[in-house]
Amino acid sequence: MARISDLLSTSQGIIFAEDHRDPATPRHLAQQMRSLAKAGVKVLFTELFNDSAEHAQWLEAFDKDIPSEAVEAMKSHIDTIGHYYPPRTPDVYHELLQEARANGIKLAGVPPARSSINPIGENNPRVAAHIAAEMKKYPPATKYALYCGKDHTHAGNEENMSMDQARGIDLILGAPCVMLASAVNSGKTGESALLAHGHYPNTYHLVPCEPRLGYARKF
């Protein structure tokens, strides 16, 4: 067993990857915000927002916790996203964002995919470059987390990786990857069996029974 703080002791960042269809994983990540903050994480990059000036304005207003049109626009945006993958609902995303703010972790968007033919292969390097550029604005010891779909990672999308269509975002960033899965789905999808083979470098699975301790089990 390893703690999230152990993983961040040797890496500037950590990746949390999920199956977007899993209704509980945003809540599992929300429960890790306290552990992440204690480990030095100050920024949470997420696919929920892009790198546009408009989204940056939303997130700045949300971080200041002042009611405004920007915050209402952000909430409406999250409400829309929250219905993309039923049975997931917007409340799990709102909980995640509020937990991040409550623990002093700023939210940041990432570049959206531009290619419909090979969106992951085209976008992973752009996301990695964006994160690297943004983190230069902070003191060197500042840590970050990235919340994304599992298809962006080496373990979550081995088929694309093996065909050289893409490199996992975890491999590009050199960051440990924690695969999120709810107790409902764990062991009932191909994901758990796949990860159990043990040939994925620096890949972990969050232990759901101790959500606030920040433990991760390595496969």
C-alpha atoms as a PDB file:
ATOM      1  CA  MET A   1       0.000   0.000   0.000  1.00  0.00           C
ATOM      2  CA  ALA A   2       1.165   3.525  -0.761  1.00  0.00           C
ATOM      3  CA  ARG A   3      -0.226   6.908   0.188  1.00  0.00           C
ATOM      4  CA  ILE A   4      -1.005   9.596  -2.348  1.00  0.00           C
ATOM      5  CA  SER A   5       1.542  11.720  -0.507  1.00  0.00           C
ATOM      6  CA  ASP A   6       4.155   9.009  -1.218  1.00  0.00           C
ATOM      7  CA  LEU A   7       3.461   9.241  -4.938  1.00  0.00           C
ATOM      8  CA  LEU A   8       3.732  13.034  -4.877  1.00  0.00           C
ATOM      9  CA  SER A   9       6.965  12.944  -2.910  1.00  0.00           C
ATOM     10  CA  THR A  10       8.776  11.866  -6.086  1.00  0.00           C
ATOM     11  CA  SER A  11       6.606  13.602  -8.696  1.00  0.00           C
ATOM     12  CA  GLN A  12       5.352  17.133  -9.274  1.00  0.00           C
ATOM     13  CA  GLY A  13       1.977  15.820 -10.382  1.00  0.00           C
ATOM     14  CA  ILE A  14      -0.501  12.979 -10.114  1.00  0.00           C
ATOM     15  CA  ILE A  15      -3.184  11.832 -12.545  1.00  0.00           C
ATOM     16  CA  PHE A  16      -6.649  10.593 -11.612  1.00  0.00           C
ATOM     17  CA  ALA A  17      -8.310   8.737 -14.471  1.00  0.00           C
ATOM     18  CA  GLU A  18     -11.853   7.460 -14.690  1.00  0.00           C
ATOM     19  CA  ASP A  19     -14.483   5.801 -16.815  1.00  0.00           C
ATOM     20  CA  HIS A  20     -16.875   8.693 -17.471  1.00  0.00           C
ATOM     21  CA  ARG A  21     -19.819   6.293 -17.217  1.00  0.00           C
ATOM     22  CA  ASP A  22     -19.032   5.461 -13.589  1.00  0.00           C
ATOM     23  CA  PRO A  23     -21.423   7.536 -11.451  1.00  0.00           C
ATOM     24  CA  ALA A  24     -19.324   7.561  -8.275  1.00  0.00           C
ATOM     25  CA  THR A  25     -15.750   8.369  -9.313  1.00  0.00           C
ATOM     26  CA  PRO A  26     -16.029  12.195  -9.102  1.00  0.00           C
ATOM     27  CA  ARG A  27     -17.141  11.774  -5.507  1.00  0.00           C
ATOM     28  CA  HIS A  28     -14.204   9.453  -4.766  1.00  0.00           C
ATOM     29  CA  LEU A  29     -11.859  12.124  -6.106  1.00  0.00           C
ATOM     30  CA  ALA A  30     -13.654  14.814  -4.082  1.00  0.00           C
ATOM     31  CA  GLN A  31     -12.904  12.764  -0.965  1.00  0.00           C
ATOM     32  CA  GLN A  32      -9.178  12.964  -1.802  1.00  0.00           C
ATOM     33  CA  MET A  33      -8.955  16.765  -1.877  1.00  0.00           C
ATOM     34  CA  ARG A  34      -7.817  17.032   1.726  1.00  0.00           C
ATOM     35  CA  SER A  35      -5.076  14.443   1.180  1.00  0.00           C
ATOM     36  CA  LEU A  36      -3.991  16.184  -2.018  1.00  0.00           C
ATOM     37  CA  ALA A  37      -3.837  19.581  -0.353  1.00  0.00           C
ATOM     38  CA  LYS A  38      -1.737  18.193   2.497  1.00  0.00           C
ATOM     39  CA  ALA A  39       0.626  16.697  -0.084  1.00  0.00           C
ATOM     40  CA  GLY A  40       1.171  20.123  -1.629  1.00  0.00           C
ATOM     41  CA  VAL A  41      -1.278  20.078  -4.542  1.00  0.00           C
ATOM     42  CA  LYS A  42      -2.364  23.621  -5.416  1.00  0.00           C
ATOM     43  CA  VAL A  43      -3.877  23.122  -8.893  1.00  0.00           C
ATOM     44  CA  LEU A  44      -6.415  20.627 -10.240  1.00  0.00           C
ATOM     45  CA  PHE A  45      -6.443  20.468 -14.038  1.00  0.00           C
ATOM     46  CA  THR A  46      -9.650  19.000 -15.389  1.00  0.00           C
ATOM     47  CA  GLU A  47     -11.354  18.217 -18.694  1.00  0.00           C
ATOM     48  CA  LEU A  48     -14.515  19.768 -17.271  1.00  0.00           C
ATOM     49  CA  PHE A  49     -13.138  23.098 -18.525  1.00  0.00           C
ATOM     50  CA  ASN A  50     -11.037  24.144 -21.484  1.00  0.00           C
ATOM     51  CA  ASP A  51      -8.171  26.631 -21.621  1.00  0.00           C
ATOM     52  CA  SER A  52     -10.240  29.507 -23.035  1.00  0.00           C
ATOM     53  CA  ALA A  53     -10.304  32.973 -21.500  1.00  0.00           C
ATOM     54  CA  GLU A  54     -14.017  32.535 -20.787  1.00  0.00           C
ATOM     55  CA  HIS A  55     -13.525  29.387 -18.737  1.00  0.00           C
ATOM     56  CA  ALA A  56     -10.555  30.953 -16.942  1.00  0.00           C
ATOM     57  CA  GLN A  57     -12.818  33.850 -15.950  1.00  0.00           C
ATOM     58  CA  TRP A  58     -15.418  31.412 -14.618  1.00  0.00           C
ATOM     59  CA  LEU A  59     -12.841  29.580 -12.521  1.00  0.00           C
ATOM     60  CA  GLU A  60     -11.288  32.763 -11.161  1.00  0.00           C
ATOM     61  CA  ALA A  61     -14.720  33.961 -10.039  1.00  0.00           C
ATOM     62  CA  PHE A  62     -15.512  30.568  -8.512  1.00  0.00           C
ATOM     63  CA  ASP A  63     -12.195  30.538  -6.651  1.00  0.00           C
ATOM     64  CA  LYS A  64     -13.011  33.920  -5.094  1.00  0.00           C
ATOM     65  CA  ASP A  65     -16.406  32.529  -4.009  1.00  0.00           C
ATOM     66  CA  ILE A  66     -18.256  35.703  -4.968  1.00  0.00           C
ATOM     67  CA  PRO A  67     -21.706  35.365  -6.592  1.00  0.00           C
ATOM     68  CA  SER A  68     -21.515  36.600 -10.167  1.00  0.00           C
ATOM     69  CA  GLU A  69     -22.719  35.934 -13.696  1.00  0.00           C
ATOM     70  CA  ALA A  70     -19.457  34.093 -14.354  1.00  0.00           C
ATOM     71  CA  VAL A  71     -20.116  31.662 -11.505  1.00  0.00           C
ATOM     72  CA  GLU A  72     -23.673  31.094 -12.681  1.00  0.00           C
ATOM     73  CA  ALA A  73     -22.396  30.418 -16.210  1.00  0.00           C
ATOM     74  CA  MET A  74     -19.927  27.903 -14.791  1.00  0.00           C
ATOM     75  CA  LYS A  75     -22.640  26.150 -12.798  1.00  0.00           C
ATOM     76  CA  SER A  76     -24.853  25.952 -15.900  1.00  0.00           C
ATOM     77  CA  HIS A  77     -21.934  24.486 -17.839  1.00  0.00           C
ATOM     78  CA  ILE A  78     -21.402  21.805 -15.180  1.00  0.00           C
ATOM     79  CA  ASP A  79     -25.118  21.037 -15.072  1.00  0.00           C
ATOM     80  CA  THR A  80     -25.000  20.352 -18.819  1.00  0.00           C
ATOM     81  CA  ILE A  81     -21.908  18.141 -18.591  1.00  0.00           C
ATOM     82  CA  GLY A  82     -23.403  16.281 -15.647  1.00  0.00           C
ATOM     83  CA  HIS A  83     -26.113  14.812 -17.855  1.00  0.00           C
ATOM     84  CA  TYR A  84     -23.792  13.514 -20.588  1.00  0.00           C
ATOM     85  CA  TYR A  85     -23.145  10.159 -18.943  1.00  0.00           C
ATOM     86  CA  PRO A  86     -26.226   8.833 -17.111  1.00  0.00           C
ATOM     87  CA  PRO A  87     -26.645   7.682 -14.388  1.00  0.00           C
ATOM     88  CA  ARG A  88     -24.045  10.313 -13.452  1.00  0.00           C
ATOM     89  CA  THR A  89     -25.618  13.570 -12.277  1.00  0.00           C
ATOM     90  CA  PRO A  90     -24.281  17.170 -11.980  1.00  0.00           C
ATOM     91  CA  ASP A  91     -24.186  17.079  -8.181  1.00  0.00           C
ATOM     92  CA  VAL A  92     -21.080  14.848  -8.133  1.00  0.00           C
ATOM     93  CA  TYR A  93     -19.184  17.433 -10.183  1.00  0.00           C
ATOM     94  CA  HIS A  94     -20.371  20.333  -8.036  1.00  0.00           C
ATOM     95  CA  GLU A  95     -19.235  18.430  -4.935  1.00  0.00           C
ATOM     96  CA  LEU A  96     -15.802  17.867  -6.480  1.00  0.00           C
ATOM     97  CA  LEU A  97     -15.345  21.540  -7.372  1.00  0.00           C
ATOM     98  CA  GLN A  98     -16.485  22.720  -3.955  1.00  0.00           C
ATOM     99  CA  GLU A  99     -14.164  20.291  -2.150  1.00  0.00           C
ATOM    100  CA  ALA A 100     -11.230  21.503  -4.231  1.00  0.00           C
ATOM    101  CA  ARG A 101     -11.969  25.125  -3.370  1.00  0.00           C
ATOM    102  CA  ALA A 102     -12.536  24.326   0.309  1.00  0.00           C
ATOM    103  CA  ASN A 103      -9.055  22.806   0.442  1.00  0.00           C
ATOM    104  CA  GLY A 104      -7.313  25.679  -1.324  1.00  0.00           C
ATOM    105  CA  ILE A 105      -6.880  23.897  -4.652  1.00  0.00           C
ATOM    106  CA  LYS A 106      -7.377  26.060  -7.739  1.00  0.00           C
ATOM    107  CA  LEU A 107      -9.196  24.679 -10.762  1.00  0.00           C
ATOM    108  CA  ALA A 108      -7.772  24.929 -14.272  1.00  0.00           C
ATOM    109  CA  GLY A 109      -8.955  23.812 -17.694  1.00  0.00           C
ATOM    110  CA  VAL A 110      -7.008  21.968 -20.386  1.00  0.00           C
ATOM    111  CA  PRO A 111      -6.910  22.310 -24.187  1.00  0.00           C
ATOM    112  CA  PRO A 112      -9.850  20.561 -25.894  1.00  0.00           C
ATOM    113  CA  ALA A 113      -9.314  17.925 -28.566  1.00  0.00           C
ATOM    114  CA  ARG A 114      -9.151  19.303 -32.098  1.00  0.00           C
ATOM    115  CA  SER A 115      -8.959  16.081 -34.113  1.00  0.00           C
ATOM    116  CA  SER A 116     -11.932  13.766 -34.643  1.00  0.00           C
ATOM    117  CA  ILE A 117      -9.727  11.069 -36.199  1.00  0.00           C
ATOM    118  CA  ASN A 118      -7.220  10.635 -33.382  1.00  0.00           C
ATOM    119  CA  PRO A 119      -8.316  12.998 -30.578  1.00  0.00           C
ATOM    120  CA  ILE A 120      -6.267  11.350 -27.827  1.00  0.00           C
ATOM    121  CA  GLY A 121      -3.056  11.033 -29.815  1.00  0.00           C
ATOM    122  CA  GLU A 122      -3.309  14.636 -30.948  1.00  0.00           C
ATOM    123  CA  ASN A 123      -4.383  16.092 -27.622  1.00  0.00           C
ATOM    124  CA  ASN A 124      -2.268  14.360 -24.978  1.00  0.00           C
ATOM    125  CA  PRO A 125       0.949  16.215 -25.935  1.00  0.00           C
ATOM    126  CA  ARG A 126      -0.965  19.521 -26.018  1.00  0.00           C
ATOM    127  CA  VAL A 127      -2.438  18.919 -22.563  1.00  0.00           C
ATOM    128  CA  ALA A 128       0.994  17.999 -21.189  1.00  0.00           C
ATOM    129  CA  ALA A 129       2.580  21.112 -22.694  1.00  0.00           C
ATOM    130  CA  HIS A 130      -0.211  23.277 -21.280  1.00  0.00           C
ATOM    131  CA  ILE A 131       0.229  21.860 -17.782  1.00  0.00           C
ATOM    132  CA  ALA A 132       4.003  22.342 -17.946  1.00  0.00           C
ATOM    133  CA  ALA A 133       3.571  25.974 -19.036  1.00  0.00           C
ATOM    134  CA  GLU A 134       0.974  26.725 -16.367  1.00  0.00           C
ATOM    135  CA  MET A 135       3.034  25.189 -13.565  1.00  0.00           C
ATOM    136  CA  LYS A 136       5.936  27.514 -14.393  1.00  0.00           C
ATOM    137  CA  LYS A 137       3.762  30.296 -12.954  1.00  0.00           C
ATOM    138  CA  TYR A 138       3.993  28.685  -9.497  1.00  0.00           C
ATOM    139  CA  PRO A 139       6.911  28.076  -7.111  1.00  0.00           C
ATOM    140  CA  PRO A 140       8.939  24.950  -8.080  1.00  0.00           C
ATOM    141  CA  ALA A 141       7.659  22.914  -5.129  1.00  0.00           C
ATOM    142  CA  THR A 142       4.010  23.357  -6.154  1.00  0.00           C
ATOM    143  CA  LYS A 143       2.189  20.123  -6.988  1.00  0.00           C
ATOM    144  CA  TYR A 144      -0.702  19.525  -9.372  1.00  0.00           C
ATOM    145  CA  ALA A 145      -3.328  16.897 -10.109  1.00  0.00           C
ATOM    146  CA  LEU A 146      -4.968  16.083 -13.442  1.00  0.00           C
ATOM    147  CA  TYR A 147      -8.488  14.638 -13.605  1.00  0.00           C
ATOM    148  CA  CYS A 148      -9.243  13.027 -16.964  1.00  0.00           C
ATOM    149  CA  GLY A 149     -10.835  10.099 -18.742  1.00  0.00           C
ATOM    150  CA  LYS A 150      -8.991   6.795 -18.558  1.00  0.00           C
ATOM    151  CA  ASP A 151      -8.558   6.664 -22.334  1.00  0.00           C
ATOM    152  CA  HIS A 152      -5.913   9.366 -21.990  1.00  0.00           C
ATOM    153  CA  THR A 153      -3.705   7.047 -19.924  1.00  0.00           C
ATOM    154  CA  HIS A 154      -1.445   4.180 -20.883  1.00  0.00           C
ATOM    155  CA  ALA A 155      -3.290   1.590 -18.800  1.00  0.00           C
ATOM    156  CA  GLY A 156      -6.742   2.853 -19.718  1.00  0.00           C
ATOM    157  CA  ASN A 157      -6.267   2.789 -23.462  1.00  0.00           C
ATOM    158  CA  GLU A 158      -3.620   0.195 -24.256  1.00  0.00           C
ATOM    159  CA  GLU A 159      -5.015  -0.467 -27.732  1.00  0.00           C
ATOM    160  CA  ASN A 160      -4.280   3.077 -28.879  1.00  0.00           C
ATOM    161  CA  MET A 161      -0.903   3.086 -27.189  1.00  0.00           C
ATOM    162  CA  SER A 162       0.193  -0.170 -28.795  1.00  0.00           C
ATOM    163  CA  MET A 163      -0.678   1.167 -32.227  1.00  0.00           C
ATOM    164  CA  ASP A 164       1.420   4.282 -31.616  1.00  0.00           C
ATOM    165  CA  GLN A 165      -1.644   6.451 -32.091  1.00  0.00           C
ATOM    166  CA  ALA A 166      -1.014   8.072 -28.740  1.00  0.00           C
ATOM    167  CA  ARG A 167       1.181   8.068 -25.691  1.00  0.00           C
ATOM    168  CA  GLY A 168      -0.482   7.970 -22.321  1.00  0.00           C
ATOM    169  CA  ILE A 169      -0.623  11.350 -20.637  1.00  0.00           C
ATOM    170  CA  ASP A 170       0.952   9.708 -17.585  1.00  0.00           C
ATOM    171  CA  LEU A 171       3.974   8.645 -19.649  1.00  0.00           C
ATOM    172  CA  ILE A 172       4.348  12.068 -21.259  1.00  0.00           C
ATOM    173  CA  LEU A 173       4.173  13.877 -17.912  1.00  0.00           C
ATOM    174  CA  GLY A 174       6.125  11.212 -16.025  1.00  0.00           C
ATOM    175  CA  ALA A 175       3.434  11.271 -13.354  1.00  0.00           C
ATOM    176  CA  PRO A 176       1.855   8.396 -11.391  1.00  0.00           C
ATOM    177  CA  CYS A 177      -1.650   7.436 -12.483  1.00  0.00           C
ATOM    178  CA  VAL A 178      -4.440   6.485 -10.085  1.00  0.00           C
ATOM    179  CA  MET A 179      -7.368   4.713 -11.730  1.00  0.00           C
ATOM    180  CA  LEU A 180     -10.666   5.656 -10.103  1.00  0.00           C
ATOM    181  CA  ALA A 181     -13.455   3.072  -9.936  1.00  0.00           C
ATOM    182  CA  SER A 182     -16.532   2.800  -7.754  1.00  0.00           C
ATOM    183  CA  ALA A 183     -17.279  -0.214  -5.600  1.00  0.00           C
ATOM    184  CA  VAL A 184     -20.236  -0.900  -7.891  1.00  0.00           C
ATOM    185  CA  ASN A 185     -18.129  -1.187 -11.027  1.00  0.00           C
ATOM    186  CA  SER A 186     -14.886  -2.514  -9.571  1.00  0.00           C
ATOM    187  CA  GLY A 187     -14.421  -6.120 -10.641  1.00  0.00           C
ATOM    188  CA  LYS A 188     -17.428  -6.000 -12.970  1.00  0.00           C
ATOM    189  CA  THR A 189     -15.769  -4.327 -15.938  1.00  0.00           C
ATOM    190  CA  GLY A 190     -12.740  -5.234 -18.015  1.00  0.00           C
ATOM    191  CA  GLU A 191     -10.782  -2.468 -16.362  1.00  0.00           C
ATOM    192  CA  SER A 192     -10.008  -4.206 -13.064  1.00  0.00           C
ATOM    193  CA  ALA A 193      -8.841  -7.425 -14.709  1.00  0.00           C
ATOM    194  CA  LEU A 194      -6.714  -5.454 -17.167  1.00  0.00           C
ATOM    195  CA  LEU A 195      -4.950  -3.470 -14.483  1.00  0.00           C
ATOM    196  CA  ALA A 196      -4.319  -6.583 -12.428  1.00  0.00           C
ATOM    197  CA  HIS A 197      -1.811  -7.864 -15.020  1.00  0.00           C
ATOM    198  CA  GLY A 198       0.792  -5.612 -13.428  1.00  0.00           C
ATOM    199  CA  HIS A 199       2.691  -4.494 -16.534  1.00  0.00           C
ATOM    200  CA  TYR A 200       1.610  -0.854 -16.442  1.00  0.00           C
ATOM    201  CA  PRO A 201       4.324   1.435 -15.057  1.00  0.00           C
ATOM    202  CA  ASN A 202       3.494   3.662 -12.122  1.00  0.00           C
ATOM    203  CA  THR A 203      -0.240   2.807 -12.201  1.00  0.00           C
ATOM    204  CA  TYR A 204      -2.352   2.483  -9.071  1.00  0.00           C
ATOM    205  CA  HIS A 205      -5.946   1.844  -8.080  1.00  0.00           C
ATOM    206  CA  LEU A 206      -7.617   3.866  -5.343  1.00  0.00           C
ATOM    207  CA  VAL A 207      -8.770   1.797  -2.375  1.00  0.00           C
ATOM    208  CA  PRO A 208     -12.417   2.860  -1.969  1.00  0.00           C
ATOM    209  CA  CYS A 209     -12.899   1.592   1.595  1.00  0.00           C
ATOM    210  CA  GLU A 210     -10.638   4.314   3.084  1.00  0.00           C
ATOM    211  CA  PRO A 211     -11.582   7.344   0.992  1.00  0.00           C
ATOM    212  CA  ARG A 212     -10.048  10.089   3.103  1.00  0.00           C
ATOM    213  CA  LEU A 213      -6.754   8.435   3.998  1.00  0.00           C
ATOM    214  CA  GLY A 214      -5.345   8.815   0.528  1.00  0.00           C
ATOM    215  CA  TYR A 215      -4.148   5.237   0.130  1.00  0.00           C
ATOM    216  CA  ALA A 216      -3.522   3.678  -3.261  1.00  0.00           C
ATOM    217  CA  ARG A 217      -2.757   0.063  -4.152  1.00  0.00           C
ATOM    218  CA  LYS A 218      -0.215  -0.662  -6.877  1.00  0.00           C
ATOM    219  CA  PHE A 219      -0.911  -3.291  -9.532  1.00  0.00           C
END
